């Protein structure tokens, strides 16, 4: 099911889409919005266009394009960037990367499909200087700080949403989340890891594997390899996925994060990311706003048993 947008939000993202399509020479053919969380992801015939906005997004896209050479060199199974185009495609504040389309399975992929691609990725011994150091709490803090610079109408919407969905003023909500950031930063800085540090995908959930190939490389960094196992365990504990498929993954990969002393801390960091990742992108996205409200209410009250829903 496609992402639901208000007419105003759809018009804005359409302007960005039209601009980058014109720049890339992809003006013909229907664009189907597959999903929209941090990036708007469109299918246009046999290509997939990932669209985002802003300076940080442009820097991230440039890094992703550069990283494709590294991953290909090390034979990591990845979706194919369209190398016939100059990438990334940048028009004003808009930025896009364009990929060859791979068919999506009817259901969610089995977690075991991630085992080999992640093992290949984690086998990269070099530490590329162009990849950032893993800093998941800093990322959450930047998103919270960025709320203050939202356009006036978007800020008003977000303030009203916080009162309605979370029961807090936006200022109080942001202050509480900043406190979580501070606490987790200290814990992460003091943590030790069982697996070696190296290249990590950064968001290795089953939605980011297609036909045995990794996709969505926005969070590539240098960090603890345990981090790439977090989404699979978290899907069981927070999203209600069955446990047995994860256990098969852990057996094939050779490490069970669920039994590791680092799991409770990494779960906290993951949840902080998930409750801050779209707070600055709520206007015009009613389903996302409602879903995030539920996540925040249960997160702030420490309700670890509440089941979360995925964004569409």
C-alpha atoms as a PDB file:
ATOM      1  CA  UNK A   1       0.000   0.000   0.000  1.00  0.00           C
ATOM      2  CA  UNK A   2       1.331   3.403  -0.986  1.00  0.00           C
ATOM      3  CA  UNK A   3       2.152   6.122   1.524  1.00  0.00           C
ATOM      4  CA  UNK A   4      -0.725   8.526   2.274  1.00  0.00           C
ATOM      5  CA  UNK A   5       0.042  12.247   1.846  1.00  0.00           C
ATOM      6  CA  UNK A   6      -2.126  15.338   2.106  1.00  0.00           C
ATOM      7  CA  UNK A   7      -2.607  17.338  -1.087  1.00  0.00           C
ATOM      8  CA  UNK A   8      -0.156  20.015   0.091  1.00  0.00           C
ATOM      9  CA  UNK A   9       2.560  17.495   0.962  1.00  0.00           C
ATOM     10  CA  UNK A  10       2.021  15.639  -2.300  1.00  0.00           C
ATOM     11  CA  UNK A  11       2.363  18.877  -4.271  1.00  0.00           C
ATOM     12  CA  UNK A  12       5.645  19.781  -2.559  1.00  0.00           C
ATOM     13  CA  UNK A  13       7.263  16.394  -3.082  1.00  0.00           C
ATOM     14  CA  UNK A  14       5.973  16.374  -6.674  1.00  0.00           C
ATOM     15  CA  UNK A  15       7.854  19.596  -7.392  1.00  0.00           C
ATOM     16  CA  UNK A  16      11.074  18.022  -6.177  1.00  0.00           C
ATOM     17  CA  UNK A  17      10.414  14.846  -8.125  1.00  0.00           C
ATOM     18  CA  UNK A  18       9.718  16.740 -11.344  1.00  0.00           C
ATOM     19  CA  UNK A  19      12.906  18.772 -10.960  1.00  0.00           C
ATOM     20  CA  UNK A  20      15.262  15.820 -10.435  1.00  0.00           C
ATOM     21  CA  UNK A  21      13.570  13.754 -13.151  1.00  0.00           C
ATOM     22  CA  UNK A  22      14.070  16.576 -15.628  1.00  0.00           C
ATOM     23  CA  UNK A  23      17.707  16.937 -14.570  1.00  0.00           C
ATOM     24  CA  UNK A  24      18.323  13.176 -14.884  1.00  0.00           C
ATOM     25  CA  UNK A  25      16.527  12.788 -18.221  1.00  0.00           C
ATOM     26  CA  UNK A  26      13.804  10.602 -16.711  1.00  0.00           C
ATOM     27  CA  UNK A  27      10.845  12.851 -17.440  1.00  0.00           C
ATOM     28  CA  UNK A  28       8.742  10.155 -19.128  1.00  0.00           C
ATOM     29  CA  UNK A  29       6.883   7.329 -17.422  1.00  0.00           C
ATOM     30  CA  UNK A  30       4.624   7.186 -14.371  1.00  0.00           C
ATOM     31  CA  UNK A  31       6.263   7.585 -10.964  1.00  0.00           C
ATOM     32  CA  UNK A  32       4.739   5.355  -8.277  1.00  0.00           C
ATOM     33  CA  UNK A  33       5.408   6.338  -4.647  1.00  0.00           C
ATOM     34  CA  UNK A  34       6.484   3.117  -2.954  1.00  0.00           C
ATOM     35  CA  UNK A  35       7.124   4.578   0.505  1.00  0.00           C
ATOM     36  CA  UNK A  36       8.053   7.787   2.247  1.00  0.00           C
ATOM     37  CA  UNK A  37       9.716   7.887   5.642  1.00  0.00           C
ATOM     38  CA  UNK A  38      12.986   9.835   5.548  1.00  0.00           C
ATOM     39  CA  UNK A  39      13.294   9.527   1.749  1.00  0.00           C
ATOM     40  CA  UNK A  40      10.501   9.435  -0.797  1.00  0.00           C
ATOM     41  CA  UNK A  41      11.074   6.261  -2.840  1.00  0.00           C
ATOM     42  CA  UNK A  42       9.540   6.084  -6.316  1.00  0.00           C
ATOM     43  CA  UNK A  43       9.460   3.417  -8.971  1.00  0.00           C
ATOM     44  CA  UNK A  44       9.735   4.745 -12.520  1.00  0.00           C
ATOM     45  CA  UNK A  45       9.662   1.819 -14.931  1.00  0.00           C
ATOM     46  CA  UNK A  46      12.778  -0.268 -14.329  1.00  0.00           C
ATOM     47  CA  UNK A  47      14.380   2.296 -12.018  1.00  0.00           C
ATOM     48  CA  UNK A  48      13.935   3.358  -8.394  1.00  0.00           C
ATOM     49  CA  UNK A  49      14.439   6.996  -7.440  1.00  0.00           C
ATOM     50  CA  UNK A  50      15.202   7.913  -3.816  1.00  0.00           C
ATOM     51  CA  UNK A  51      14.371  11.572  -3.237  1.00  0.00           C
ATOM     52  CA  UNK A  52      15.313  13.761  -0.288  1.00  0.00           C
ATOM     53  CA  UNK A  53      15.842  17.412   0.578  1.00  0.00           C
ATOM     54  CA  UNK A  54      18.462  19.584   2.255  1.00  0.00           C
ATOM     55  CA  UNK A  55      22.208  19.918   2.660  1.00  0.00           C
ATOM     56  CA  UNK A  56      22.616  16.917   4.971  1.00  0.00           C
ATOM     57  CA  UNK A  57      20.709  14.731   2.499  1.00  0.00           C
ATOM     58  CA  UNK A  58      22.976  15.881  -0.336  1.00  0.00           C
ATOM     59  CA  UNK A  59      26.112  15.038   1.630  1.00  0.00           C
ATOM     60  CA  UNK A  60      24.652  11.647   2.495  1.00  0.00           C
ATOM     61  CA  UNK A  61      23.776  10.904  -1.144  1.00  0.00           C
ATOM     62  CA  UNK A  62      27.295  11.780  -2.283  1.00  0.00           C
ATOM     63  CA  UNK A  63      28.699   9.404   0.329  1.00  0.00           C
ATOM     64  CA  UNK A  64      26.345   6.620  -0.758  1.00  0.00           C
ATOM     65  CA  UNK A  65      27.387   6.935  -4.407  1.00  0.00           C
ATOM     66  CA  UNK A  66      31.037   6.773  -3.391  1.00  0.00           C
ATOM     67  CA  UNK A  67      30.444   3.756  -1.164  1.00  0.00           C
ATOM     68  CA  UNK A  68      28.999   1.680  -4.001  1.00  0.00           C
ATOM     69  CA  UNK A  69      32.486   1.251  -5.442  1.00  0.00           C
ATOM     70  CA  UNK A  70      33.765  -0.034  -2.106  1.00  0.00           C
ATOM     71  CA  UNK A  71      30.930  -2.534  -1.690  1.00  0.00           C
ATOM     72  CA  UNK A  72      31.208  -3.775  -5.258  1.00  0.00           C
ATOM     73  CA  UNK A  73      34.967  -4.190  -4.900  1.00  0.00           C
ATOM     74  CA  UNK A  74      34.400  -6.448  -1.879  1.00  0.00           C
ATOM     75  CA  UNK A  75      31.627  -8.396  -3.628  1.00  0.00           C
ATOM     76  CA  UNK A  76      28.938  -7.400  -1.166  1.00  0.00           C
ATOM     77  CA  UNK A  77      25.544  -8.256  -2.714  1.00  0.00           C
ATOM     78  CA  UNK A  78      23.903  -4.856  -3.284  1.00  0.00           C
ATOM     79  CA  UNK A  79      21.234  -3.373  -5.515  1.00  0.00           C
ATOM     80  CA  UNK A  80      22.712  -1.734  -8.596  1.00  0.00           C
ATOM     81  CA  UNK A  81      23.161   2.018  -8.821  1.00  0.00           C
ATOM     82  CA  UNK A  82      22.348   3.323 -12.299  1.00  0.00           C
ATOM     83  CA  UNK A  83      25.866   4.172 -13.452  1.00  0.00           C
ATOM     84  CA  UNK A  84      24.619   5.500 -16.806  1.00  0.00           C
ATOM     85  CA  UNK A  85      23.625   8.710 -14.985  1.00  0.00           C
ATOM     86  CA  UNK A  86      25.739  11.307 -13.182  1.00  0.00           C
ATOM     87  CA  UNK A  87      24.922  10.742  -9.529  1.00  0.00           C
ATOM     88  CA  UNK A  88      23.664  11.991  -7.205  1.00  0.00           C
ATOM     89  CA  UNK A  89      21.173  14.188  -9.035  1.00  0.00           C
ATOM     90  CA  UNK A  90      20.997  17.604  -7.354  1.00  0.00           C
ATOM     91  CA  UNK A  91      18.557  20.416  -8.137  1.00  0.00           C
ATOM     92  CA  UNK A  92      18.489  23.324  -5.681  1.00  0.00           C
ATOM     93  CA  UNK A  93      17.854  21.714  -2.259  1.00  0.00           C
ATOM     94  CA  UNK A  94      16.570  18.446  -3.741  1.00  0.00           C
ATOM     95  CA  UNK A  95      18.748  15.371  -4.174  1.00  0.00           C
ATOM     96  CA  UNK A  96      18.109  11.930  -5.628  1.00  0.00           C
ATOM     97  CA  UNK A  97      19.925   8.670  -6.240  1.00  0.00           C
ATOM     98  CA  UNK A  98      18.666   6.348  -8.961  1.00  0.00           C
ATOM     99  CA  UNK A  99      18.872   2.573  -8.892  1.00  0.00           C
ATOM    100  CA  UNK A 100      17.917  -0.401 -11.037  1.00  0.00           C
ATOM    101  CA  UNK A 101      14.620  -1.860  -9.869  1.00  0.00           C
ATOM    102  CA  UNK A 102      14.470  -5.295  -8.285  1.00  0.00           C
ATOM    103  CA  UNK A 103      11.081  -6.980  -7.796  1.00  0.00           C
ATOM    104  CA  UNK A 104       9.798  -6.829  -4.226  1.00  0.00           C
ATOM    105  CA  UNK A 105       8.610 -10.072  -2.631  1.00  0.00           C
ATOM    106  CA  UNK A 106       4.903 -10.405  -1.843  1.00  0.00           C
ATOM    107  CA  UNK A 107       5.611 -10.717   1.884  1.00  0.00           C
ATOM    108  CA  UNK A 108       8.388  -9.601   4.197  1.00  0.00           C
ATOM    109  CA  UNK A 109      11.708 -11.330   3.436  1.00  0.00           C
ATOM    110  CA  UNK A 110      12.986 -13.984   5.827  1.00  0.00           C
ATOM    111  CA  UNK A 111      15.631 -12.585   8.212  1.00  0.00           C
ATOM    112  CA  UNK A 112      18.018 -15.352   7.145  1.00  0.00           C
ATOM    113  CA  UNK A 113      18.301 -13.581   3.767  1.00  0.00           C
ATOM    114  CA  UNK A 114      20.326 -10.905   5.543  1.00  0.00           C
ATOM    115  CA  UNK A 115      22.914 -13.329   6.929  1.00  0.00           C
ATOM    116  CA  UNK A 116      25.171 -13.683   3.879  1.00  0.00           C
ATOM    117  CA  UNK A 117      25.051 -10.041   2.691  1.00  0.00           C
ATOM    118  CA  UNK A 118      25.841  -8.794   6.204  1.00  0.00           C
ATOM    119  CA  UNK A 119      28.633 -11.330   6.623  1.00  0.00           C
ATOM    120  CA  UNK A 120      30.147 -10.079   3.345  1.00  0.00           C
ATOM    121  CA  UNK A 121      29.799  -6.469   4.443  1.00  0.00           C
ATOM    122  CA  UNK A 122      31.299  -7.182   7.852  1.00  0.00           C
ATOM    123  CA  UNK A 123      34.245  -8.975   6.241  1.00  0.00           C
ATOM    124  CA  UNK A 124      35.536  -5.666   4.826  1.00  0.00           C
ATOM    125  CA  UNK A 125      38.777  -5.137   6.728  1.00  0.00           C
ATOM    126  CA  UNK A 126      39.621  -1.617   5.601  1.00  0.00           C
ATOM    127  CA  UNK A 127      38.265   1.486   7.325  1.00  0.00           C
ATOM    128  CA  UNK A 128      37.377   3.980   4.551  1.00  0.00           C
ATOM    129  CA  UNK A 129      38.043   7.568   5.588  1.00  0.00           C
ATOM    130  CA  UNK A 130      34.966   8.881   3.772  1.00  0.00           C
ATOM    131  CA  UNK A 131      32.569   6.913   5.992  1.00  0.00           C
ATOM    132  CA  UNK A 132      31.563   8.623   9.236  1.00  0.00           C
ATOM    133  CA  UNK A 133      31.984   7.129  12.671  1.00  0.00           C
ATOM    134  CA  UNK A 134      28.856   5.533  14.081  1.00  0.00           C
ATOM    135  CA  UNK A 135      27.082   8.179  16.149  1.00  0.00           C
ATOM    136  CA  UNK A 136      23.403   7.201  16.432  1.00  0.00           C
ATOM    137  CA  UNK A 137      22.661   9.398  19.441  1.00  0.00           C
ATOM    138  CA  UNK A 138      24.197  12.456  17.798  1.00  0.00           C
ATOM    139  CA  UNK A 139      21.919  11.838  14.813  1.00  0.00           C
ATOM    140  CA  UNK A 140      18.859  11.833  17.060  1.00  0.00           C
ATOM    141  CA  UNK A 141      20.052  15.008  18.771  1.00  0.00           C
ATOM    142  CA  UNK A 142      20.494  16.800  15.422  1.00  0.00           C
ATOM    143  CA  UNK A 143      16.957  15.909  14.413  1.00  0.00           C
ATOM    144  CA  UNK A 144      15.571  17.275  17.665  1.00  0.00           C
ATOM    145  CA  UNK A 145      17.581  20.478  17.368  1.00  0.00           C
ATOM    146  CA  UNK A 146      16.401  20.917  13.794  1.00  0.00           C
ATOM    147  CA  UNK A 147      12.763  21.177  14.866  1.00  0.00           C
ATOM    148  CA  UNK A 148      13.328  24.790  15.903  1.00  0.00           C
ATOM    149  CA  UNK A 149      14.145  25.761  12.309  1.00  0.00           C
ATOM    150  CA  UNK A 150      10.979  24.307  10.758  1.00  0.00           C
ATOM    151  CA  UNK A 151       8.876  26.711   8.684  1.00  0.00           C
ATOM    152  CA  UNK A 152       6.258  28.454  10.823  1.00  0.00           C
ATOM    153  CA  UNK A 153       3.300  26.397   9.557  1.00  0.00           C
ATOM    154  CA  UNK A 154       5.176  23.101   9.977  1.00  0.00           C
ATOM    155  CA  UNK A 155       6.299  24.067  13.464  1.00  0.00           C
ATOM    156  CA  UNK A 156       2.725  24.939  14.476  1.00  0.00           C
ATOM    157  CA  UNK A 157       1.501  21.609  13.125  1.00  0.00           C
ATOM    158  CA  UNK A 158       4.192  19.740  15.059  1.00  0.00           C
ATOM    159  CA  UNK A 159       3.398  21.652  18.258  1.00  0.00           C
ATOM    160  CA  UNK A 160      -0.286  20.778  17.943  1.00  0.00           C
ATOM    161  CA  UNK A 161       0.573  17.168  17.146  1.00  0.00           C
ATOM    162  CA  UNK A 162       2.740  16.866  20.297  1.00  0.00           C
ATOM    163  CA  UNK A 163      -0.088  18.080  22.529  1.00  0.00           C
ATOM    164  CA  UNK A 164      -2.690  15.903  20.834  1.00  0.00           C
ATOM    165  CA  UNK A 165      -0.757  12.669  20.331  1.00  0.00           C
ATOM    166  CA  UNK A 166       1.835  12.701  23.126  1.00  0.00           C
ATOM    167  CA  UNK A 167       0.183  14.893  25.745  1.00  0.00           C
ATOM    168  CA  UNK A 168       3.209  17.188  26.057  1.00  0.00           C
ATOM    169  CA  UNK A 169       4.178  20.547  24.658  1.00  0.00           C
ATOM    170  CA  UNK A 170       6.734  20.219  21.901  1.00  0.00           C
ATOM    171  CA  UNK A 171       9.297  21.997  24.089  1.00  0.00           C
ATOM    172  CA  UNK A 172       8.737  19.504  26.936  1.00  0.00           C
ATOM    173  CA  UNK A 173       8.844  16.557  24.558  1.00  0.00           C
ATOM    174  CA  UNK A 174      12.106  17.722  22.992  1.00  0.00           C
ATOM    175  CA  UNK A 175      13.615  18.386  26.425  1.00  0.00           C
ATOM    176  CA  UNK A 176      12.787  14.871  27.614  1.00  0.00           C
ATOM    177  CA  UNK A 177      14.259  13.347  24.480  1.00  0.00           C
ATOM    178  CA  UNK A 178      17.408  15.449  24.826  1.00  0.00           C
ATOM    179  CA  UNK A 179      17.803  13.993  28.322  1.00  0.00           C
ATOM    180  CA  UNK A 180      17.559  10.497  26.832  1.00  0.00           C
ATOM    181  CA  UNK A 181      20.231  11.492  24.329  1.00  0.00           C
ATOM    182  CA  UNK A 182      22.549  12.694  27.081  1.00  0.00           C
ATOM    183  CA  UNK A 183      22.135   9.519  29.119  1.00  0.00           C
ATOM    184  CA  UNK A 184      22.609   7.187  26.152  1.00  0.00           C
ATOM    185  CA  UNK A 185      25.653   9.080  24.862  1.00  0.00           C
ATOM    186  CA  UNK A 186      27.412   8.380  28.166  1.00  0.00           C
ATOM    187  CA  UNK A 187      26.429   4.720  28.064  1.00  0.00           C
ATOM    188  CA  UNK A 188      27.542   4.231  24.451  1.00  0.00           C
ATOM    189  CA  UNK A 189      30.874   5.945  25.134  1.00  0.00           C
ATOM    190  CA  UNK A 190      31.541   3.519  27.996  1.00  0.00           C
ATOM    191  CA  UNK A 191      30.335   0.380  26.182  1.00  0.00           C
ATOM    192  CA  UNK A 192      32.493  -2.517  25.027  1.00  0.00           C
ATOM    193  CA  UNK A 193      31.584  -4.733  22.100  1.00  0.00           C
ATOM    194  CA  UNK A 194      32.025  -8.433  21.426  1.00  0.00           C
ATOM    195  CA  UNK A 195      32.313  -8.105  17.644  1.00  0.00           C
ATOM    196  CA  UNK A 196      35.026  -6.103  15.876  1.00  0.00           C
ATOM    197  CA  UNK A 197      34.381  -2.548  14.774  1.00  0.00           C
ATOM    198  CA  UNK A 198      34.162  -1.985  11.029  1.00  0.00           C
ATOM    199  CA  UNK A 199      31.881  -1.054   8.144  1.00  0.00           C
ATOM    200  CA  UNK A 200      28.225  -1.369   9.145  1.00  0.00           C
ATOM    201  CA  UNK A 201      25.081  -0.949   7.087  1.00  0.00           C
ATOM    202  CA  UNK A 202      23.375   0.968   9.868  1.00  0.00           C
ATOM    203  CA  UNK A 203      19.741   0.013   9.184  1.00  0.00           C
ATOM    204  CA  UNK A 204      19.782  -3.695   8.407  1.00  0.00           C
ATOM    205  CA  UNK A 205      16.110  -4.630   8.692  1.00  0.00           C
ATOM    206  CA  UNK A 206      14.465  -7.115   6.333  1.00  0.00           C
ATOM    207  CA  UNK A 207      12.895  -4.321   4.296  1.00  0.00           C
ATOM    208  CA  UNK A 208      16.412  -3.438   3.168  1.00  0.00           C
ATOM    209  CA  UNK A 209      17.183  -6.756   1.502  1.00  0.00           C
ATOM    210  CA  UNK A 210      15.837  -7.523  -1.973  1.00  0.00           C
ATOM    211  CA  UNK A 211      16.463 -10.868  -3.633  1.00  0.00           C
ATOM    212  CA  UNK A 212      19.465 -11.387  -1.368  1.00  0.00           C
ATOM    213  CA  UNK A 213      20.908  -7.907  -2.007  1.00  0.00           C
ATOM    214  CA  UNK A 214      21.274  -5.040   0.439  1.00  0.00           C
ATOM    215  CA  UNK A 215      19.715  -1.662  -0.302  1.00  0.00           C
ATOM    216  CA  UNK A 216      19.328   1.731   1.447  1.00  0.00           C
ATOM    217  CA  UNK A 217      22.870   2.756   2.350  1.00  0.00           C
ATOM    218  CA  UNK A 218      22.130   6.126   3.962  1.00  0.00           C
ATOM    219  CA  UNK A 219      23.392   4.943   7.373  1.00  0.00           C
ATOM    220  CA  UNK A 220      26.673   3.337   6.304  1.00  0.00           C
ATOM    221  CA  UNK A 221      29.345   4.076   8.890  1.00  0.00           C
ATOM    222  CA  UNK A 222      32.218   2.662  10.906  1.00  0.00           C
ATOM    223  CA  UNK A 223      30.920   1.154  14.126  1.00  0.00           C
ATOM    224  CA  UNK A 224      30.212  -1.967  16.185  1.00  0.00           C
ATOM    225  CA  UNK A 225      28.953  -4.774  13.985  1.00  0.00           C
ATOM    226  CA  UNK A 226      26.375  -5.671  16.654  1.00  0.00           C
ATOM    227  CA  UNK A 227      24.481  -2.600  15.455  1.00  0.00           C
ATOM    228  CA  UNK A 228      23.522  -4.332  12.199  1.00  0.00           C
ATOM    229  CA  UNK A 229      21.868  -7.147  14.158  1.00  0.00           C
ATOM    230  CA  UNK A 230      19.691  -4.840  16.249  1.00  0.00           C
ATOM    231  CA  UNK A 231      16.765  -4.372  13.809  1.00  0.00           C
ATOM    232  CA  UNK A 232      16.175  -8.120  13.579  1.00  0.00           C
ATOM    233  CA  UNK A 233      15.990  -8.649  17.342  1.00  0.00           C
ATOM    234  CA  UNK A 234      14.013  -5.444  17.738  1.00  0.00           C
ATOM    235  CA  UNK A 235      11.463  -6.617  15.192  1.00  0.00           C
ATOM    236  CA  UNK A 236      10.700  -9.536  17.500  1.00  0.00           C
ATOM    237  CA  UNK A 237      10.614  -7.600  20.768  1.00  0.00           C
ATOM    238  CA  UNK A 238       8.831  -4.440  19.575  1.00  0.00           C
ATOM    239  CA  UNK A 239       7.005  -5.185  16.317  1.00  0.00           C
ATOM    240  CA  UNK A 240       5.687  -8.625  17.219  1.00  0.00           C
ATOM    241  CA  UNK A 241       7.528 -10.610  14.548  1.00  0.00           C
ATOM    242  CA  UNK A 242       7.961 -14.349  15.201  1.00  0.00           C
ATOM    243  CA  UNK A 243      11.140 -15.334  17.036  1.00  0.00           C
ATOM    244  CA  UNK A 244      12.068 -18.467  15.087  1.00  0.00           C
ATOM    245  CA  UNK A 245      13.114 -16.700  11.829  1.00  0.00           C
ATOM    246  CA  UNK A 246      15.501 -14.513  13.830  1.00  0.00           C
ATOM    247  CA  UNK A 247      16.949 -17.588  15.507  1.00  0.00           C
ATOM    248  CA  UNK A 248      17.668 -19.077  12.060  1.00  0.00           C
ATOM    249  CA  UNK A 249      19.435 -15.866  11.091  1.00  0.00           C
ATOM    250  CA  UNK A 250      21.550 -15.904  14.268  1.00  0.00           C
ATOM    251  CA  UNK A 251      22.562 -19.513  13.630  1.00  0.00           C
ATOM    252  CA  UNK A 252      23.646 -18.811  10.046  1.00  0.00           C
ATOM    253  CA  UNK A 253      25.363 -15.512  10.875  1.00  0.00           C
ATOM    254  CA  UNK A 254      27.082 -17.030  13.900  1.00  0.00           C
ATOM    255  CA  UNK A 255      26.173 -14.551  16.643  1.00  0.00           C
ATOM    256  CA  UNK A 256      23.014 -14.131  18.738  1.00  0.00           C
ATOM    257  CA  UNK A 257      22.614 -10.512  19.796  1.00  0.00           C
ATOM    258  CA  UNK A 258      19.557 -11.353  21.885  1.00  0.00           C
ATOM    259  CA  UNK A 259      21.792 -13.112  24.419  1.00  0.00           C
ATOM    260  CA  UNK A 260      24.516 -10.452  24.375  1.00  0.00           C
ATOM    261  CA  UNK A 261      25.085  -8.063  27.312  1.00  0.00           C
ATOM    262  CA  UNK A 262      25.041  -5.186  24.816  1.00  0.00           C
ATOM    263  CA  UNK A 263      21.482  -5.858  23.614  1.00  0.00           C
ATOM    264  CA  UNK A 264      19.584  -3.769  26.232  1.00  0.00           C
ATOM    265  CA  UNK A 265      21.687  -0.679  25.494  1.00  0.00           C
ATOM    266  CA  UNK A 266      21.473  -1.132  21.739  1.00  0.00           C
ATOM    267  CA  UNK A 267      17.703  -1.561  21.977  1.00  0.00           C
ATOM    268  CA  UNK A 268      17.481   1.788  23.796  1.00  0.00           C
ATOM    269  CA  UNK A 269      19.571   3.463  21.102  1.00  0.00           C
ATOM    270  CA  UNK A 270      17.480   1.922  18.323  1.00  0.00           C
ATOM    271  CA  UNK A 271      14.250   3.099  19.915  1.00  0.00           C
ATOM    272  CA  UNK A 272      15.597   6.616  20.379  1.00  0.00           C
ATOM    273  CA  UNK A 273      16.363   6.668  16.660  1.00  0.00           C
ATOM    274  CA  UNK A 274      12.925   5.397  15.734  1.00  0.00           C
ATOM    275  CA  UNK A 275      11.062   7.979  17.820  1.00  0.00           C
ATOM    276  CA  UNK A 276      13.099  10.892  16.459  1.00  0.00           C
ATOM    277  CA  UNK A 277      13.658   9.918  12.815  1.00  0.00           C
ATOM    278  CA  UNK A 278      10.569  11.591  11.323  1.00  0.00           C
ATOM    279  CA  UNK A 279       9.650  14.217  13.921  1.00  0.00           C
ATOM    280  CA  UNK A 280      10.697  16.966  11.516  1.00  0.00           C
ATOM    281  CA  UNK A 281       8.713  15.483   8.622  1.00  0.00           C
ATOM    282  CA  UNK A 282       5.179  15.066  10.010  1.00  0.00           C
ATOM    283  CA  UNK A 283       3.094  17.730   8.221  1.00  0.00           C
ATOM    284  CA  UNK A 284       1.007  16.239   5.446  1.00  0.00           C
ATOM    285  CA  UNK A 285       1.554  12.663   6.618  1.00  0.00           C
ATOM    286  CA  UNK A 286      -1.365  11.800   8.939  1.00  0.00           C
ATOM    287  CA  UNK A 287      -0.696   8.069   9.278  1.00  0.00           C
ATOM    288  CA  UNK A 288       2.980   8.608  10.080  1.00  0.00           C
ATOM    289  CA  UNK A 289       2.068  11.286  12.649  1.00  0.00           C
ATOM    290  CA  UNK A 290      -0.401   8.987  14.393  1.00  0.00           C
ATOM    291  CA  UNK A 291       1.970   6.019  14.391  1.00  0.00           C
ATOM    292  CA  UNK A 292       4.811   8.108  15.818  1.00  0.00           C
ATOM    293  CA  UNK A 293       2.511   9.390  18.544  1.00  0.00           C
ATOM    294  CA  UNK A 294       1.887   5.835  19.757  1.00  0.00           C
ATOM    295  CA  UNK A 295       5.593   5.046  19.656  1.00  0.00           C
ATOM    296  CA  UNK A 296       6.477   8.101  21.723  1.00  0.00           C
ATOM    297  CA  UNK A 297       3.761   7.585  24.330  1.00  0.00           C
ATOM    298  CA  UNK A 298       4.897   4.038  25.021  1.00  0.00           C
ATOM    299  CA  UNK A 299       8.600   4.871  24.788  1.00  0.00           C
ATOM    300  CA  UNK A 300       8.416   7.721  27.288  1.00  0.00           C
ATOM    301  CA  UNK A 301       6.408   5.660  29.797  1.00  0.00           C
ATOM    302  CA  UNK A 302       8.841   2.732  29.556  1.00  0.00           C
ATOM    303  CA  UNK A 303       6.196   0.371  28.163  1.00  0.00           C
ATOM    304  CA  UNK A 304       8.495  -2.254  26.623  1.00  0.00           C
ATOM    305  CA  UNK A 305       5.614  -4.623  25.878  1.00  0.00           C
ATOM    306  CA  UNK A 306       3.651  -2.276  23.610  1.00  0.00           C
ATOM    307  CA  UNK A 307       3.604  -3.395  19.972  1.00  0.00           C
ATOM    308  CA  UNK A 308       4.611  -0.766  17.436  1.00  0.00           C
ATOM    309  CA  UNK A 309       3.402  -0.537  13.852  1.00  0.00           C
ATOM    310  CA  UNK A 310       5.642   0.058  10.859  1.00  0.00           C
ATOM    311  CA  UNK A 311       5.306   3.138   8.691  1.00  0.00           C
ATOM    312  CA  UNK A 312       3.832   2.623   5.260  1.00  0.00           C
END
